[in-house]
């Protein structure tokens, strides 16, 4: 199994989607790597369901 792969626009893989959490302001993607990313237009650049990946802007995840 496993959820969609989440990667930054630069290509760095951040993890896989484990859950989508419903917050009052916006939904939040919870990744299996422990990261939480907001489901907002500024963060999520592309959702490719066929390819099984979500591309997000850099700067939302903590740098490695």
N, C-alpha and C. Protein backbone atom coordinates (compact mmCIF):
# COMPACT_ATOMS: atom_id res chain seq x y z
N UNK A 1 0.83 -1.21 0.00
CA UNK A 1 0.00 0.00 0.00
C UNK A 1 0.85 1.24 0.00
N UNK A 2 0.42 2.20 0.79
CA UNK A 2 1.15 3.46 0.86
C UNK A 2 0.43 4.54 0.10
N UNK A 3 0.56 5.75 0.58
CA UNK A 3 -0.15 6.87 -0.03
C UNK A 3 0.65 7.48 -1.16
N UNK A 4 0.21 8.65 -1.57
CA UNK A 4 0.90 9.38 -2.62
C UNK A 4 2.26 9.84 -2.13
N UNK A 5 3.24 9.81 -3.03
CA UNK A 5 4.57 10.32 -2.70
C UNK A 5 4.53 11.84 -2.77
N UNK A 6 5.08 12.49 -1.76
CA UNK A 6 5.14 13.95 -1.74
C UNK A 6 6.57 14.39 -1.98
N UNK A 7 6.78 15.23 -2.98
CA UNK A 7 8.13 15.73 -3.25
C UNK A 7 8.09 17.22 -3.50
N UNK A 8 9.22 17.86 -3.18
CA UNK A 8 9.37 19.29 -3.44
C UNK A 8 9.62 19.53 -4.91
N UNK A 9 9.41 20.77 -5.33
CA UNK A 9 9.62 21.12 -6.73
C UNK A 9 11.05 20.83 -7.17
N UNK A 10 12.00 20.89 -6.24
CA UNK A 10 13.38 20.59 -6.57
C UNK A 10 13.65 19.10 -6.71
N UNK A 11 12.67 18.27 -6.34
CA UNK A 11 12.83 16.84 -6.49
C UNK A 11 13.07 16.07 -5.21
N UNK A 12 13.25 16.78 -4.10
CA UNK A 12 13.49 16.10 -2.83
C UNK A 12 12.21 15.43 -2.34
N UNK A 13 12.27 14.14 -2.09
CA UNK A 13 11.11 13.40 -1.61
C UNK A 13 10.95 13.63 -0.11
N UNK A 14 9.75 14.04 0.29
CA UNK A 14 9.49 14.36 1.69
C UNK A 14 8.85 13.20 2.44
N UNK A 15 8.23 12.29 1.70
CA UNK A 15 7.58 11.15 2.34
C UNK A 15 6.32 10.77 1.58
N UNK A 16 5.52 9.93 2.23
CA UNK A 16 4.24 9.53 1.64
C UNK A 16 3.10 10.03 2.51
N UNK A 17 1.98 10.30 1.88
CA UNK A 17 0.82 10.76 2.63
C UNK A 17 0.28 9.62 3.49
N UNK A 18 0.23 9.85 4.80
CA UNK A 18 -0.32 8.84 5.72
C UNK A 18 -1.77 9.16 6.05
N UNK A 19 -2.09 10.45 6.12
CA UNK A 19 -3.44 10.84 6.49
C UNK A 19 -3.69 12.27 6.02
N UNK A 20 -4.95 12.61 5.89
CA UNK A 20 -5.34 13.99 5.65
C UNK A 20 -6.15 14.44 6.85
N UNK A 21 -5.63 15.45 7.56
CA UNK A 21 -6.24 15.89 8.81
C UNK A 21 -7.06 17.15 8.53
N UNK A 22 -8.26 17.18 9.04
CA UNK A 22 -9.18 18.29 8.82
C UNK A 22 -9.00 19.34 9.90
N UNK A 23 -8.34 20.45 9.57
CA UNK A 23 -8.19 21.57 10.48
C UNK A 23 -9.19 22.65 10.10
N UNK A 24 -9.54 23.55 11.04
CA UNK A 24 -10.51 24.61 10.72
C UNK A 24 -10.09 25.49 9.54
N UNK A 25 -8.82 25.84 9.48
CA UNK A 25 -8.37 26.76 8.42
C UNK A 25 -8.24 26.03 7.08
N UNK A 26 -7.62 24.87 7.11
CA UNK A 26 -7.40 24.10 5.89
C UNK A 26 -7.03 22.68 6.26
N UNK A 27 -7.21 21.77 5.32
CA UNK A 27 -6.77 20.39 5.56
C UNK A 27 -5.24 20.34 5.58
N UNK A 28 -4.72 19.36 6.27
CA UNK A 28 -3.28 19.20 6.41
C UNK A 28 -2.89 17.78 6.02
N UNK A 29 -1.86 17.67 5.19
CA UNK A 29 -1.33 16.36 4.83
C UNK A 29 -0.37 15.90 5.92
N UNK A 30 -0.62 14.72 6.48
CA UNK A 30 0.32 14.13 7.42
C UNK A 30 1.13 13.10 6.66
N UNK A 31 2.46 13.25 6.69
CA UNK A 31 3.33 12.33 5.97
C UNK A 31 3.89 11.27 6.90
N UNK A 32 4.26 10.13 6.32
CA UNK A 32 4.82 9.05 7.13
C UNK A 32 6.18 9.42 7.70
N UNK A 33 6.76 10.52 7.19
CA UNK A 33 8.06 10.97 7.70
C UNK A 33 7.90 11.89 8.91
N UNK A 34 6.64 12.16 9.30
CA UNK A 34 6.40 13.01 10.46
C UNK A 34 6.15 14.46 10.10
N UNK A 35 6.23 14.79 8.81
CA UNK A 35 5.98 16.16 8.38
C UNK A 35 4.49 16.41 8.24
N UNK A 36 4.10 17.67 8.44
CA UNK A 36 2.74 18.11 8.21
C UNK A 36 2.77 19.25 7.21
N UNK A 37 2.01 19.12 6.13
CA UNK A 37 2.00 20.14 5.09
C UNK A 37 0.57 20.64 4.87
N UNK A 38 0.39 21.96 4.79
CA UNK A 38 -0.96 22.51 4.61
C UNK A 38 -1.46 22.28 3.18
N UNK A 39 -2.71 21.88 3.07
CA UNK A 39 -3.32 21.71 1.75
C UNK A 39 -3.83 23.07 1.27
N UNK A 40 -2.90 23.92 0.91
CA UNK A 40 -3.25 25.25 0.41
C UNK A 40 -2.54 25.46 -0.93
N UNK A 41 -3.08 26.37 -1.71
CA UNK A 41 -2.59 26.56 -3.07
C UNK A 41 -1.11 26.99 -3.09
N UNK A 42 -0.70 27.74 -2.07
CA UNK A 42 0.68 28.21 -2.02
C UNK A 42 1.67 27.06 -1.81
N UNK A 43 1.19 25.99 -1.17
CA UNK A 43 2.07 24.86 -0.87
C UNK A 43 1.98 23.79 -1.94
N UNK A 44 0.77 23.36 -2.23
CA UNK A 44 0.58 22.24 -3.16
C UNK A 44 0.57 22.75 -4.59
N UNK A 45 1.57 22.35 -5.35
CA UNK A 45 1.71 22.85 -6.72
C UNK A 45 1.01 21.95 -7.73
N UNK A 46 1.09 20.64 -7.52
CA UNK A 46 0.51 19.71 -8.48
C UNK A 46 0.14 18.42 -7.79
N UNK A 47 -1.04 17.91 -8.12
CA UNK A 47 -1.46 16.59 -7.63
C UNK A 47 -1.58 15.69 -8.84
N UNK A 48 -0.73 14.67 -8.88
CA UNK A 48 -0.71 13.73 -10.01
C UNK A 48 -1.18 12.38 -9.51
N UNK A 49 -2.52 12.19 -9.55
CA UNK A 49 -3.07 10.94 -9.02
C UNK A 49 -2.63 9.75 -9.85
N UNK A 50 -2.57 9.92 -11.17
CA UNK A 50 -2.15 8.82 -12.05
C UNK A 50 -0.71 8.42 -11.75
N UNK A 51 0.14 9.42 -11.51
CA UNK A 51 1.55 9.15 -11.23
C UNK A 51 1.82 8.86 -9.77
N UNK A 52 0.80 9.08 -8.93
CA UNK A 52 0.94 8.75 -7.51
C UNK A 52 1.81 9.72 -6.74
N UNK A 53 1.81 11.01 -7.17
CA UNK A 53 2.65 11.94 -6.42
C UNK A 53 2.03 13.32 -6.32
N UNK A 54 2.45 14.01 -5.28
CA UNK A 54 2.06 15.40 -5.05
C UNK A 54 3.33 16.23 -5.04
N UNK A 55 3.34 17.31 -5.81
CA UNK A 55 4.49 18.21 -5.82
C UNK A 55 4.14 19.44 -4.98
N UNK A 56 5.04 19.80 -4.07
CA UNK A 56 4.80 20.94 -3.19
C UNK A 56 5.93 21.96 -3.34
N UNK A 57 5.62 23.19 -2.98
CA UNK A 57 6.62 24.25 -3.01
C UNK A 57 7.70 23.98 -1.98
N UNK A 58 8.91 24.44 -2.27
CA UNK A 58 9.97 24.37 -1.28
C UNK A 58 9.69 25.40 -0.18
N UNK A 59 10.20 25.15 1.01
CA UNK A 59 10.05 26.10 2.09
C UNK A 59 8.98 25.72 3.10
N UNK A 60 8.14 24.74 2.78
CA UNK A 60 7.12 24.33 3.73
C UNK A 60 7.60 23.20 4.64
N UNK A 61 8.54 22.43 4.17
CA UNK A 61 9.11 21.35 4.97
C UNK A 61 10.40 21.85 5.60
N UNK A 62 10.71 21.33 6.78
CA UNK A 62 11.97 21.69 7.41
C UNK A 62 13.12 21.14 6.58
N UNK A 63 14.18 21.92 6.40
CA UNK A 63 15.33 21.43 5.62
C UNK A 63 15.99 20.25 6.31
N UNK A 64 16.54 19.38 5.50
CA UNK A 64 17.22 18.21 6.06
C UNK A 64 18.53 18.62 6.72
